[in-house]
Amino acid sequence: MAESLVVTSKIKDMIKSKGMNTAGDATEGLSKMVEMFVHRAVERAKANGRKTVRAVDF
């Protein structure tokens, strides 16, 4: 597994607060989604001539 981009304990706590359980691969899947969104945001910032990723890029 690659380095996680999410705080597993925080994700588990949030899911538990909704009355659900967390599968072992759930946070890995979420981390992959975060990585995808970050890559997209970087590309959007570059396309707009910026070196700074802003909230609008997500």
C-alpha atoms as a PDB file:
ATOM      1  CA  MET A   1       0.000   0.000   0.000  1.00  0.00           C
ATOM      2  CA  ALA A   2       1.223   3.494  -0.841  1.00  0.00           C
ATOM      3  CA  GLU A   3       1.365   6.287   1.695  1.00  0.00           C
ATOM      4  CA  SER A   4      -2.134   7.217   2.882  1.00  0.00           C
ATOM      5  CA  LEU A   5      -3.381  10.730   2.166  1.00  0.00           C
ATOM      6  CA  VAL A   6      -6.170  10.530   4.742  1.00  0.00           C
ATOM      7  CA  VAL A   7      -6.221  10.176   8.515  1.00  0.00           C
ATOM      8  CA  THR A   8      -7.626   6.686   8.977  1.00  0.00           C
ATOM      9  CA  SER A   9      -8.781   7.225  12.560  1.00  0.00           C
ATOM     10  CA  LYS A  10     -10.731  10.354  11.571  1.00  0.00           C
ATOM     11  CA  ILE A  11     -12.413   8.573   8.663  1.00  0.00           C
ATOM     12  CA  LYS A  12     -13.295   5.581  10.845  1.00  0.00           C
ATOM     13  CA  ASP A  13     -14.708   7.891  13.546  1.00  0.00           C
ATOM     14  CA  MET A  14     -16.850   9.716  10.995  1.00  0.00           C
ATOM     15  CA  ILE A  15     -18.197   6.491   9.527  1.00  0.00           C
ATOM     16  CA  LYS A  16     -18.839   5.072  13.019  1.00  0.00           C
ATOM     17  CA  SER A  17     -20.748   8.242  13.982  1.00  0.00           C
ATOM     18  CA  LYS A  18     -23.144   7.398  11.141  1.00  0.00           C
ATOM     19  CA  GLY A  19     -23.757   3.952  12.639  1.00  0.00           C
ATOM     20  CA  MET A  20     -21.655   2.091  10.079  1.00  0.00           C
ATOM     21  CA  ASN A  21     -18.522  -0.072  10.122  1.00  0.00           C
ATOM     22  CA  THR A  22     -15.363   0.531   8.086  1.00  0.00           C
ATOM     23  CA  ALA A  23     -13.966  -2.206   5.847  1.00  0.00           C
ATOM     24  CA  GLY A  24     -10.216  -2.687   5.803  1.00  0.00           C
ATOM     25  CA  ASP A  25      -9.859  -1.301   2.285  1.00  0.00           C
ATOM     26  CA  ALA A  26     -12.156   1.723   2.689  1.00  0.00           C
ATOM     27  CA  THR A  27      -9.514   4.260   3.645  1.00  0.00           C
ATOM     28  CA  GLU A  28      -7.184   3.015   0.906  1.00  0.00           C
ATOM     29  CA  GLY A  29      -9.941   3.616  -1.642  1.00  0.00           C
ATOM     30  CA  LEU A  30     -10.593   7.089  -0.257  1.00  0.00           C
ATOM     31  CA  SER A  31      -6.891   7.896  -0.343  1.00  0.00           C
ATOM     32  CA  LYS A  32      -6.776   6.936  -4.035  1.00  0.00           C
ATOM     33  CA  MET A  33      -9.720   9.256  -4.708  1.00  0.00           C
ATOM     34  CA  VAL A  34      -7.956  12.111  -2.884  1.00  0.00           C
ATOM     35  CA  GLU A  35      -4.836  11.500  -4.987  1.00  0.00           C
ATOM     36  CA  MET A  36      -6.929  11.652  -8.176  1.00  0.00           C
ATOM     37  CA  PHE A  37      -8.565  14.936  -7.125  1.00  0.00           C
ATOM     38  CA  VAL A  38      -5.199  16.472  -6.218  1.00  0.00           C
ATOM     39  CA  HIS A  39      -3.760  15.553  -9.620  1.00  0.00           C
ATOM     40  CA  ARG A  40      -6.781  17.094 -11.344  1.00  0.00           C
ATOM     41  CA  ALA A  41      -6.500  20.266  -9.256  1.00  0.00           C
ATOM     42  CA  VAL A  42      -2.799  20.620 -10.080  1.00  0.00           C
ATOM     43  CA  GLU A  43      -3.523  20.264 -13.791  1.00  0.00           C
ATOM     44  CA  ARG A  44      -6.313  22.834 -13.578  1.00  0.00           C
ATOM     45  CA  ALA A  45      -4.057  25.334 -11.800  1.00  0.00           C
ATOM     46  CA  LYS A  46      -1.341  24.800 -14.423  1.00  0.00           C
ATOM     47  CA  ALA A  47      -3.871  25.244 -17.226  1.00  0.00           C
ATOM     48  CA  ASN A  48      -4.850  28.568 -15.683  1.00  0.00           C
ATOM     49  CA  GLY A  49      -1.229  29.729 -15.541  1.00  0.00           C
ATOM     50  CA  ARG A  50      -0.871  29.420 -11.771  1.00  0.00           C
ATOM     51  CA  LYS A  51       1.630  27.625  -9.563  1.00  0.00           C
ATOM     52  CA  THR A  52      -0.768  27.718  -6.630  1.00  0.00           C
ATOM     53  CA  VAL A  53      -3.585  25.197  -6.225  1.00  0.00           C
ATOM     54  CA  ARG A  54      -6.679  26.920  -4.864  1.00  0.00           C
ATOM     55  CA  ALA A  55     -10.014  25.644  -3.591  1.00  0.00           C
ATOM     56  CA  VAL A  56     -11.623  26.521  -6.909  1.00  0.00           C
ATOM     57  CA  ASP A  57      -9.328  23.982  -8.612  1.00  0.00           C
ATOM     58  CA  PHE A  58     -11.083  21.151  -6.810  1.00  0.00           C
END
